[in-house]
Amino acid sequence: MIDTVIKDLSDRFTISPEMVSSYDSDGFIRLKNVLSPQTLRYFEQVITSNVERLETEHVPLEKRDTYGKAFLQISNIWEVDREAAKLVMSRKLARIAAELMEVPGVRIYHDQALYKEPGGGRTPWHADQFYWPLDTDKTITVWIPLQQTSLDMGPLAFSRGSQKILTGRDLEISDESDRKIGDFLKNRADSMVEEPFDLGEVSYHSGWTYHRAGPNNSGKFRKVMTIIYFADGTRLTPPRSRYQQNDRDRWMPGAEPGIPVATRLNPLVHPAE
């Protein structure tokens, strides 16, 4: 089975000019049949075993804050598990990221398993790049559901074209971001895209695209793996907050402002080194 999985992770997924144009306009794109059911079954077992092993949240769900209720979050599993690294270093997924952003190469920022527990709360409106001290808008996240994801499980939802909006970029993910960004986006209600994900369907979204997820009312875990990429040659900016300083220290150790980020934790995954 593993040979079939490795082939799936390496095969080319065709990105058309229309897909690139849609991503550039909307700030996100949903792509069907990117990964096979067999590949997803394999990595669901791999990622779940790591979440169970590494998860340290012992506070009851009802006693957590909004962020804590949103999901269990385990980062950079590729550092500690060779099998998980096969997914994170996938040539197929990285090539899609590069082609959508129209850049020659991409590096890994980090990965995240985001497991929304049964009864888990909403994920507030936010833009990921608030946390990233990177001197580029060429950043992208692939969101990989490890199972078919119905609306009652809390799939990712996007505001189309919101990557061009400056309002709210200074907000961390919180009740405040949910309220302020949500209020602003009410004037763009027709831009809201919230749909189930088929098995094998993934989404890619820009670092400045506003997105959220609903609560998990399904009675079972919503299991998702994500990988964040940035364009090769991107320079580190001086961190503008304690969050960006923490990201610099954790995900780009030794990187210096003004210098292209290329630390041991930021491998070049397309084209492969």
C-alpha atoms as a PDB file:
ATOM      1  CA  MET A   1       0.000   0.000   0.000  1.00  0.00           C
ATOM      2  CA  ILE A   2       2.745   2.453   0.857  1.00  0.00           C
ATOM      3  CA  ASP A   3       4.055   2.400  -2.725  1.00  0.00           C
ATOM      4  CA  THR A   4       0.626   3.466  -3.979  1.00  0.00           C
ATOM      5  CA  VAL A   5       0.491   6.231  -1.372  1.00  0.00           C
ATOM      6  CA  ILE A   6       3.958   7.527  -2.275  1.00  0.00           C
ATOM      7  CA  LYS A   7       3.011   7.588  -5.955  1.00  0.00           C
ATOM      8  CA  ASP A   8      -0.138   9.536  -5.155  1.00  0.00           C
ATOM      9  CA  LEU A   9       1.911  12.111  -3.221  1.00  0.00           C
ATOM     10  CA  SER A  10       4.241  12.564  -6.200  1.00  0.00           C
ATOM     11  CA  ASP A  11       1.849  12.508  -9.152  1.00  0.00           C
ATOM     12  CA  ARG A  12       1.118  15.806 -10.860  1.00  0.00           C
ATOM     13  CA  PHE A  13      -2.258  17.429 -10.254  1.00  0.00           C
ATOM     14  CA  THR A  14      -3.084  19.656 -13.191  1.00  0.00           C
ATOM     15  CA  ILE A  15      -3.598  23.305 -12.297  1.00  0.00           C
ATOM     16  CA  SER A  16      -5.242  25.188 -15.153  1.00  0.00           C
ATOM     17  CA  PRO A  17      -4.881  28.920 -15.907  1.00  0.00           C
ATOM     18  CA  GLU A  18      -8.521  29.291 -14.849  1.00  0.00           C
ATOM     19  CA  MET A  19      -7.704  27.821 -11.427  1.00  0.00           C
ATOM     20  CA  VAL A  20      -4.799  30.234 -10.989  1.00  0.00           C
ATOM     21  CA  SER A  21      -7.050  33.145 -11.956  1.00  0.00           C
ATOM     22  CA  SER A  22      -9.741  31.978  -9.524  1.00  0.00           C
ATOM     23  CA  TYR A  23      -7.253  31.684  -6.664  1.00  0.00           C
ATOM     24  CA  ASP A  24      -5.790  35.107  -7.440  1.00  0.00           C
ATOM     25  CA  SER A  25      -9.248  36.698  -7.453  1.00  0.00           C
ATOM     26  CA  ASP A  26     -10.866  34.846  -4.549  1.00  0.00           C
ATOM     27  CA  GLY A  27      -7.893  34.281  -2.230  1.00  0.00           C
ATOM     28  CA  PHE A  28      -8.691  30.578  -1.984  1.00  0.00           C
ATOM     29  CA  ILE A  29      -9.595  27.583  -4.095  1.00  0.00           C
ATOM     30  CA  ARG A  30     -11.170  24.204  -3.402  1.00  0.00           C
ATOM     31  CA  LEU A  31      -9.833  21.277  -5.437  1.00  0.00           C
ATOM     32  CA  LYS A  32     -11.510  17.887  -5.687  1.00  0.00           C
ATOM     33  CA  ASN A  33      -9.800  14.490  -5.907  1.00  0.00           C
ATOM     34  CA  VAL A  34      -6.338  15.762  -5.008  1.00  0.00           C
ATOM     35  CA  LEU A  35      -5.587  12.786  -2.747  1.00  0.00           C
ATOM     36  CA  SER A  36      -6.949   9.260  -3.037  1.00  0.00           C
ATOM     37  CA  PRO A  37      -9.169   7.656  -0.374  1.00  0.00           C
ATOM     38  CA  GLN A  38      -6.378   5.137   0.263  1.00  0.00           C
ATOM     39  CA  THR A  39      -3.839   7.916   0.886  1.00  0.00           C
ATOM     40  CA  LEU A  40      -6.199   9.696   3.258  1.00  0.00           C
ATOM     41  CA  ARG A  41      -6.988   6.508   5.195  1.00  0.00           C
ATOM     42  CA  TYR A  42      -3.277   5.877   5.616  1.00  0.00           C
ATOM     43  CA  PHE A  43      -2.454   9.362   6.855  1.00  0.00           C
ATOM     44  CA  GLU A  44      -5.538   9.605   9.042  1.00  0.00           C
ATOM     45  CA  GLN A  45      -4.071   6.748  11.070  1.00  0.00           C
ATOM     46  CA  VAL A  46      -0.587   8.318  11.073  1.00  0.00           C
ATOM     47  CA  ILE A  47      -1.724  11.814  12.064  1.00  0.00           C
ATOM     48  CA  THR A  48      -4.288  10.652  14.603  1.00  0.00           C
ATOM     49  CA  SER A  49      -1.734   8.485  16.393  1.00  0.00           C
ATOM     50  CA  ASN A  50       0.541  11.515  16.709  1.00  0.00           C
ATOM     51  CA  VAL A  51      -2.262  13.775  17.936  1.00  0.00           C
ATOM     52  CA  GLU A  52      -3.146  11.195  20.590  1.00  0.00           C
ATOM     53  CA  ARG A  53       0.525  10.881  21.587  1.00  0.00           C
ATOM     54  CA  LEU A  54       1.444  14.582  21.584  1.00  0.00           C
ATOM     55  CA  GLU A  55      -1.791  16.302  22.645  1.00  0.00           C
ATOM     56  CA  THR A  56      -1.481  17.897  26.094  1.00  0.00           C
ATOM     57  CA  GLU A  57      -4.895  19.552  26.519  1.00  0.00           C
ATOM     58  CA  HIS A  58      -6.467  18.211  29.712  1.00  0.00           C
ATOM     59  CA  VAL A  59      -8.876  21.061  30.501  1.00  0.00           C
ATOM     60  CA  PRO A  60     -12.540  20.026  29.972  1.00  0.00           C
ATOM     61  CA  LEU A  61     -14.004  21.484  26.796  1.00  0.00           C
ATOM     62  CA  GLU A  62     -16.578  23.582  28.633  1.00  0.00           C
ATOM     63  CA  LYS A  63     -13.869  25.316  30.707  1.00  0.00           C
ATOM     64  CA  ARG A  64     -11.684  26.414  27.780  1.00  0.00           C
ATOM     65  CA  ASP A  65     -11.677  29.799  26.077  1.00  0.00           C
ATOM     66  CA  THR A  66     -12.938  30.251  22.510  1.00  0.00           C
ATOM     67  CA  TYR A  67      -9.585  29.384  20.948  1.00  0.00           C
ATOM     68  CA  GLY A  68      -9.201  26.313  23.136  1.00  0.00           C
ATOM     69  CA  LYS A  69     -12.666  25.076  22.191  1.00  0.00           C
ATOM     70  CA  ALA A  70     -11.981  25.517  18.469  1.00  0.00           C
ATOM     71  CA  PHE A  71      -9.597  22.591  18.008  1.00  0.00           C
ATOM     72  CA  LEU A  72      -6.744  20.503  19.311  1.00  0.00           C
ATOM     73  CA  GLN A  73      -3.597  21.772  17.588  1.00  0.00           C
ATOM     74  CA  ILE A  74      -0.366  19.810  17.084  1.00  0.00           C
ATOM     75  CA  SER A  75       2.369  21.446  14.978  1.00  0.00           C
ATOM     76  CA  ASN A  76       5.377  20.241  12.979  1.00  0.00           C
ATOM     77  CA  ILE A  77       4.555  16.569  13.218  1.00  0.00           C
ATOM     78  CA  TRP A  78       6.972  16.087  10.317  1.00  0.00           C
ATOM     79  CA  GLU A  79       9.862  16.725  12.717  1.00  0.00           C
ATOM     80  CA  VAL A  80       9.020  13.729  14.898  1.00  0.00           C
ATOM     81  CA  ASP A  81       7.377  11.217  12.565  1.00  0.00           C
ATOM     82  CA  ARG A  82       8.862   9.985   9.285  1.00  0.00           C
ATOM     83  CA  GLU A  83       5.534   8.815   7.940  1.00  0.00           C
ATOM     84  CA  ALA A  84       3.850  12.161   8.596  1.00  0.00           C
ATOM     85  CA  ALA A  85       6.811  13.826   6.867  1.00  0.00           C
ATOM     86  CA  LYS A  86       5.917  11.991   3.651  1.00  0.00           C
ATOM     87  CA  LEU A  87       2.646  13.916   3.502  1.00  0.00           C
ATOM     88  CA  VAL A  88       4.133  17.254   4.564  1.00  0.00           C
ATOM     89  CA  MET A  89       6.935  16.990   1.985  1.00  0.00           C
ATOM     90  CA  SER A  90       4.566  15.874  -0.782  1.00  0.00           C
ATOM     91  CA  ARG A  91       5.773  17.060  -4.190  1.00  0.00           C
ATOM     92  CA  LYS A  92       2.196  17.131  -5.470  1.00  0.00           C
ATOM     93  CA  LEU A  93       0.875  19.415  -2.722  1.00  0.00           C
ATOM     94  CA  ALA A  94       3.900  21.727  -2.868  1.00  0.00           C
ATOM     95  CA  ARG A  95       3.745  21.999  -6.662  1.00  0.00           C
ATOM     96  CA  ILE A  96       0.082  23.017  -6.466  1.00  0.00           C
ATOM     97  CA  ALA A  97       1.006  25.721  -3.940  1.00  0.00           C
ATOM     98  CA  ALA A  98       3.761  27.080  -6.180  1.00  0.00           C
ATOM     99  CA  GLU A  99       1.589  27.062  -9.293  1.00  0.00           C
ATOM    100  CA  LEU A 100      -1.328  28.794  -7.606  1.00  0.00           C
ATOM    101  CA  MET A 101       0.953  31.545  -6.263  1.00  0.00           C
ATOM    102  CA  GLU A 102       2.873  31.664  -9.568  1.00  0.00           C
ATOM    103  CA  VAL A 103       6.272  31.330  -7.923  1.00  0.00           C
ATOM    104  CA  PRO A 104       9.132  29.008  -8.937  1.00  0.00           C
ATOM    105  CA  GLY A 105       9.628  27.440  -5.525  1.00  0.00           C
ATOM    106  CA  VAL A 106       8.076  27.072  -2.068  1.00  0.00           C
ATOM    107  CA  ARG A 107       9.385  26.262   1.402  1.00  0.00           C
ATOM    108  CA  ILE A 108       7.633  24.827   4.427  1.00  0.00           C
ATOM    109  CA  TYR A 109       6.634  27.251   7.182  1.00  0.00           C
ATOM    110  CA  HIS A 110       5.172  24.541   9.377  1.00  0.00           C
ATOM    111  CA  ASP A 111       2.432  21.926   9.523  1.00  0.00           C
ATOM    112  CA  GLN A 112      -0.540  21.703  11.886  1.00  0.00           C
ATOM    113  CA  ALA A 113      -2.995  18.973  12.758  1.00  0.00           C
ATOM    114  CA  LEU A 114      -6.282  20.696  13.649  1.00  0.00           C
ATOM    115  CA  TYR A 115      -8.690  18.258  15.292  1.00  0.00           C
ATOM    116  CA  LYS A 116     -12.076  19.714  16.217  1.00  0.00           C
ATOM    117  CA  GLU A 117     -13.528  17.599  19.012  1.00  0.00           C
ATOM    118  CA  PRO A 118     -17.165  16.466  19.152  1.00  0.00           C
ATOM    119  CA  GLY A 119     -18.919  19.472  20.646  1.00  0.00           C
ATOM    120  CA  GLY A 120     -15.960  21.705  19.779  1.00  0.00           C
ATOM    121  CA  GLY A 121     -16.736  25.369  19.248  1.00  0.00           C
ATOM    122  CA  ARG A 122     -16.440  27.724  16.311  1.00  0.00           C
ATOM    123  CA  THR A 123     -13.121  28.874  14.900  1.00  0.00           C
ATOM    124  CA  PRO A 124     -13.330  32.711  14.837  1.00  0.00           C
ATOM    125  CA  TRP A 125     -12.838  34.838  11.738  1.00  0.00           C
ATOM    126  CA  HIS A 126      -9.140  35.574  11.276  1.00  0.00           C
ATOM    127  CA  ALA A 127      -6.256  35.888   8.818  1.00  0.00           C
ATOM    128  CA  ASP A 128      -3.290  33.590   9.421  1.00  0.00           C
ATOM    129  CA  GLN A 129      -0.601  36.009   8.309  1.00  0.00           C
ATOM    130  CA  PHE A 130      -1.160  38.196  11.380  1.00  0.00           C
ATOM    131  CA  TYR A 131       1.236  35.724  13.051  1.00  0.00           C
ATOM    132  CA  TRP A 132       3.906  35.487  10.339  1.00  0.00           C
ATOM    133  CA  PRO A 133       6.984  37.787  10.163  1.00  0.00           C
ATOM    134  CA  LEU A 134       7.411  37.255   6.423  1.00  0.00           C
ATOM    135  CA  ASP A 135       8.098  39.966   3.850  1.00  0.00           C
ATOM    136  CA  THR A 136       5.703  38.623   1.206  1.00  0.00           C
ATOM    137  CA  ASP A 137       2.062  38.054   0.354  1.00  0.00           C
ATOM    138  CA  LYS A 138       3.085  34.831  -1.386  1.00  0.00           C
ATOM    139  CA  THR A 139       1.979  32.549   1.429  1.00  0.00           C
ATOM    140  CA  ILE A 140      -0.553  29.737   1.235  1.00  0.00           C
ATOM    141  CA  THR A 141      -2.075  27.004   3.390  1.00  0.00           C
ATOM    142  CA  VAL A 142      -3.403  23.672   2.191  1.00  0.00           C
ATOM    143  CA  TRP A 143      -6.296  22.399   4.363  1.00  0.00           C
ATOM    144  CA  ILE A 144      -6.602  18.617   4.094  1.00  0.00           C
ATOM    145  CA  PRO A 145      -9.665  16.974   5.671  1.00  0.00           C
ATOM    146  CA  LEU A 146      -8.809  13.400   6.578  1.00  0.00           C
ATOM    147  CA  GLN A 147     -12.437  12.332   6.209  1.00  0.00           C
ATOM    148  CA  GLN A 148     -15.496  13.466   4.308  1.00  0.00           C
ATOM    149  CA  THR A 149     -16.517  16.635   6.123  1.00  0.00           C
ATOM    150  CA  SER A 150     -20.169  17.582   6.412  1.00  0.00           C
ATOM    151  CA  LEU A 151     -21.450  21.028   7.377  1.00  0.00           C
ATOM    152  CA  ASP A 152     -22.235  19.912  10.921  1.00  0.00           C
ATOM    153  CA  MET A 153     -18.541  19.007  11.436  1.00  0.00           C
ATOM    154  CA  GLY A 154     -17.385  22.610  10.960  1.00  0.00           C
ATOM    155  CA  PRO A 155     -15.606  22.735   7.577  1.00  0.00           C
ATOM    156  CA  LEU A 156     -13.461  25.722   6.668  1.00  0.00           C
ATOM    157  CA  ALA A 157     -15.390  28.724   5.342  1.00  0.00           C
ATOM    158  CA  PHE A 158     -13.981  31.669   3.398  1.00  0.00           C
ATOM    159  CA  SER A 159     -14.815  35.246   2.498  1.00  0.00           C
ATOM    160  CA  ARG A 160     -14.177  35.491  -1.229  1.00  0.00           C
ATOM    161  CA  GLY A 161     -11.746  38.274  -2.166  1.00  0.00           C
ATOM    162  CA  SER A 162     -11.007  39.176   1.460  1.00  0.00           C
ATOM    163  CA  GLN A 163      -7.238  38.828   0.988  1.00  0.00           C
ATOM    164  CA  LYS A 164      -7.392  42.368  -0.447  1.00  0.00           C
ATOM    165  CA  ILE A 165      -9.050  43.849   2.662  1.00  0.00           C
ATOM    166  CA  LEU A 166      -6.853  45.687   5.169  1.00  0.00           C
ATOM    167  CA  THR A 167      -9.469  46.052   7.926  1.00  0.00           C
ATOM    168  CA  GLY A 168      -8.884  43.539  10.724  1.00  0.00           C
ATOM    169  CA  ARG A 169      -5.330  42.569   9.859  1.00  0.00           C
ATOM    170  CA  ASP A 170      -4.167  43.667  13.305  1.00  0.00           C
ATOM    171  CA  LEU A 171      -6.375  41.159  15.141  1.00  0.00           C
ATOM    172  CA  GLU A 172      -5.309  37.844  16.645  1.00  0.00           C
ATOM    173  CA  ILE A 173      -7.774  34.972  16.454  1.00  0.00           C
ATOM    174  CA  SER A 174     -10.254  35.632  19.244  1.00  0.00           C
ATOM    175  CA  ASP A 175     -13.815  36.621  20.113  1.00  0.00           C
ATOM    176  CA  GLU A 176     -12.810  40.162  19.154  1.00  0.00           C
ATOM    177  CA  SER A 177     -11.612  39.127  15.689  1.00  0.00           C
ATOM    178  CA  ASP A 178     -14.786  37.107  15.175  1.00  0.00           C
ATOM    179  CA  ARG A 179     -16.959  40.082  16.111  1.00  0.00           C
ATOM    180  CA  LYS A 180     -15.075  42.860  14.325  1.00  0.00           C
ATOM    181  CA  ILE A 181     -14.196  40.979  11.155  1.00  0.00           C
ATOM    182  CA  GLY A 182     -17.600  39.306  11.100  1.00  0.00           C
ATOM    183  CA  ASP A 183     -19.378  42.655  11.409  1.00  0.00           C
ATOM    184  CA  PHE A 184     -17.312  44.091   8.567  1.00  0.00           C
ATOM    185  CA  LEU A 185     -17.921  41.056   6.356  1.00  0.00           C
ATOM    186  CA  LYS A 186     -21.700  41.306   6.826  1.00  0.00           C
ATOM    187  CA  ASN A 187     -21.556  43.923   4.095  1.00  0.00           C
ATOM    188  CA  ARG A 188     -20.062  41.256   1.838  1.00  0.00           C
ATOM    189  CA  ALA A 189     -22.491  38.450   2.682  1.00  0.00           C
ATOM    190  CA  ASP A 190     -22.506  37.215  -0.910  1.00  0.00           C
ATOM    191  CA  SER A 191     -18.768  36.525  -0.607  1.00  0.00           C
ATOM    192  CA  MET A 192     -19.254  33.814   2.029  1.00  0.00           C
ATOM    193  CA  VAL A 193     -18.364  30.276   0.908  1.00  0.00           C
ATOM    194  CA  GLU A 194     -19.192  27.495   3.376  1.00  0.00           C
ATOM    195  CA  GLU A 195     -19.688  24.025   1.928  1.00  0.00           C
ATOM    196  CA  PRO A 196     -19.009  20.381   2.842  1.00  0.00           C
ATOM    197  CA  PHE A 197     -15.739  18.789   1.730  1.00  0.00           C
ATOM    198  CA  ASP A 198     -15.780  15.537  -0.223  1.00  0.00           C
ATOM    199  CA  LEU A 199     -13.220  12.865   0.571  1.00  0.00           C
ATOM    200  CA  GLY A 200     -10.068  13.805  -1.346  1.00  0.00           C
ATOM    201  CA  GLU A 201     -11.064  17.465  -1.659  1.00  0.00           C
ATOM    202  CA  VAL A 202      -8.651  20.048  -0.237  1.00  0.00           C
ATOM    203  CA  SER A 203      -8.526  23.830  -0.143  1.00  0.00           C
ATOM    204  CA  TYR A 204      -5.680  26.307  -0.547  1.00  0.00           C
ATOM    205  CA  HIS A 205      -5.995  29.801   0.911  1.00  0.00           C
ATOM    206  CA  SER A 206      -3.808  32.885   1.013  1.00  0.00           C
ATOM    207  CA  GLY A 207      -2.277  34.064   4.281  1.00  0.00           C
ATOM    208  CA  TRP A 208      -4.465  37.195   4.294  1.00  0.00           C
ATOM    209  CA  THR A 209      -7.741  35.516   3.337  1.00  0.00           C
ATOM    210  CA  TYR A 210     -10.334  35.749   6.099  1.00  0.00           C
ATOM    211  CA  HIS A 211     -11.705  32.370   7.076  1.00  0.00           C
ATOM    212  CA  ARG A 212     -13.492  30.641   9.924  1.00  0.00           C
ATOM    213  CA  ALA A 213     -15.110  27.303  10.796  1.00  0.00           C
ATOM    214  CA  GLY A 214     -18.336  26.455  12.538  1.00  0.00           C
ATOM    215  CA  PRO A 215     -18.726  24.245  15.619  1.00  0.00           C
ATOM    216  CA  ASN A 216     -18.543  20.472  15.411  1.00  0.00           C
ATOM    217  CA  ASN A 217     -22.040  19.174  16.079  1.00  0.00           C
ATOM    218  CA  SER A 218     -21.497  15.801  14.432  1.00  0.00           C
ATOM    219  CA  GLY A 219     -20.597  13.699  17.474  1.00  0.00           C
ATOM    220  CA  LYS A 220     -17.238  12.660  15.986  1.00  0.00           C
ATOM    221  CA  PHE A 221     -13.845  14.269  15.473  1.00  0.00           C
ATOM    222  CA  ARG A 222     -13.281  16.560  12.505  1.00  0.00           C
ATOM    223  CA  LYS A 223      -9.728  15.560  11.570  1.00  0.00           C
ATOM    224  CA  VAL A 224      -7.688  17.938   9.423  1.00  0.00           C
ATOM    225  CA  MET A 225      -4.021  18.264   8.485  1.00  0.00           C
ATOM    226  CA  THR A 226      -2.618  21.556   7.195  1.00  0.00           C
ATOM    227  CA  ILE A 227       0.663  22.620   5.604  1.00  0.00           C
ATOM    228  CA  ILE A 228       1.766  26.239   5.270  1.00  0.00           C
ATOM    229  CA  TYR A 229       4.116  27.273   2.440  1.00  0.00           C
ATOM    230  CA  PHE A 230       5.894  30.504   1.525  1.00  0.00           C
ATOM    231  CA  ALA A 231       7.702  31.520  -1.655  1.00  0.00           C
ATOM    232  CA  ASP A 232      11.363  30.584  -1.794  1.00  0.00           C
ATOM    233  CA  GLY A 233      13.493  33.703  -1.343  1.00  0.00           C
ATOM    234  CA  THR A 234      11.105  35.306   1.165  1.00  0.00           C
ATOM    235  CA  ARG A 235      12.896  37.466   3.743  1.00  0.00           C
ATOM    236  CA  LEU A 236      12.243  37.625   7.453  1.00  0.00           C
ATOM    237  CA  THR A 237      10.824  40.924   8.684  1.00  0.00           C
ATOM    238  CA  PRO A 238      11.516  42.281  12.174  1.00  0.00           C
ATOM    239  CA  PRO A 239       8.774  40.706  14.331  1.00  0.00           C
ATOM    240  CA  ARG A 240       6.023  43.245  15.053  1.00  0.00           C
ATOM    241  CA  SER A 241       4.445  41.409  17.981  1.00  0.00           C
ATOM    242  CA  ARG A 242       5.179  38.743  20.545  1.00  0.00           C
ATOM    243  CA  TYR A 243       3.291  36.301  18.317  1.00  0.00           C
ATOM    244  CA  GLN A 244       5.585  36.993  15.398  1.00  0.00           C
ATOM    245  CA  GLN A 245       8.624  36.768  17.670  1.00  0.00           C
ATOM    246  CA  ASN A 246       7.418  33.376  18.888  1.00  0.00           C
ATOM    247  CA  ASP A 247       6.915  32.217  15.301  1.00  0.00           C
ATOM    248  CA  ARG A 248      10.371  33.418  14.326  1.00  0.00           C
ATOM    249  CA  ASP A 249      11.974  31.576  17.236  1.00  0.00           C
ATOM    250  CA  ARG A 250      10.010  28.351  16.745  1.00  0.00           C
ATOM    251  CA  TRP A 251       9.594  27.965  12.994  1.00  0.00           C
ATOM    252  CA  MET A 252      12.640  29.843  11.637  1.00  0.00           C
ATOM    253  CA  PRO A 253      15.409  29.370  14.223  1.00  0.00           C
ATOM    254  CA  GLY A 254      18.456  31.464  13.405  1.00  0.00           C
ATOM    255  CA  ALA A 255      16.772  33.458  10.643  1.00  0.00           C
ATOM    256  CA  GLU A 256      17.679  37.149  10.595  1.00  0.00           C
ATOM    257  CA  PRO A 257      15.613  40.118   9.367  1.00  0.00           C
ATOM    258  CA  GLY A 258      16.328  41.056   5.770  1.00  0.00           C
ATOM    259  CA  ILE A 259      17.772  37.639   4.925  1.00  0.00           C
ATOM    260  CA  PRO A 260      15.897  34.967   2.905  1.00  0.00           C
ATOM    261  CA  VAL A 261      14.434  32.356   5.242  1.00  0.00           C
ATOM    262  CA  ALA A 262      16.034  28.967   4.631  1.00  0.00           C
ATOM    263  CA  THR A 263      16.581  27.305   8.006  1.00  0.00           C
ATOM    264  CA  ARG A 264      16.628  23.572   8.652  1.00  0.00           C
ATOM    265  CA  LEU A 265      12.920  23.796   9.525  1.00  0.00           C
ATOM    266  CA  ASN A 266      12.061  25.455   6.199  1.00  0.00           C
ATOM    267  CA  PRO A 267      13.021  22.895   3.563  1.00  0.00           C
ATOM    268  CA  LEU A 268      12.568  23.671  -0.110  1.00  0.00           C
ATOM    269  CA  VAL A 269       9.847  21.254  -1.192  1.00  0.00           C
ATOM    270  CA  HIS A 270       9.266  22.498  -4.739  1.00  0.00           C
ATOM    271  CA  PRO A 271      11.449  22.188  -6.612  1.00  0.00           C
ATOM    272  CA  ALA A 272      12.922  19.533  -4.330  1.00  0.00           C
ATOM    273  CA  GLU A 273      16.387  20.204  -2.914  1.00  0.00           C
END
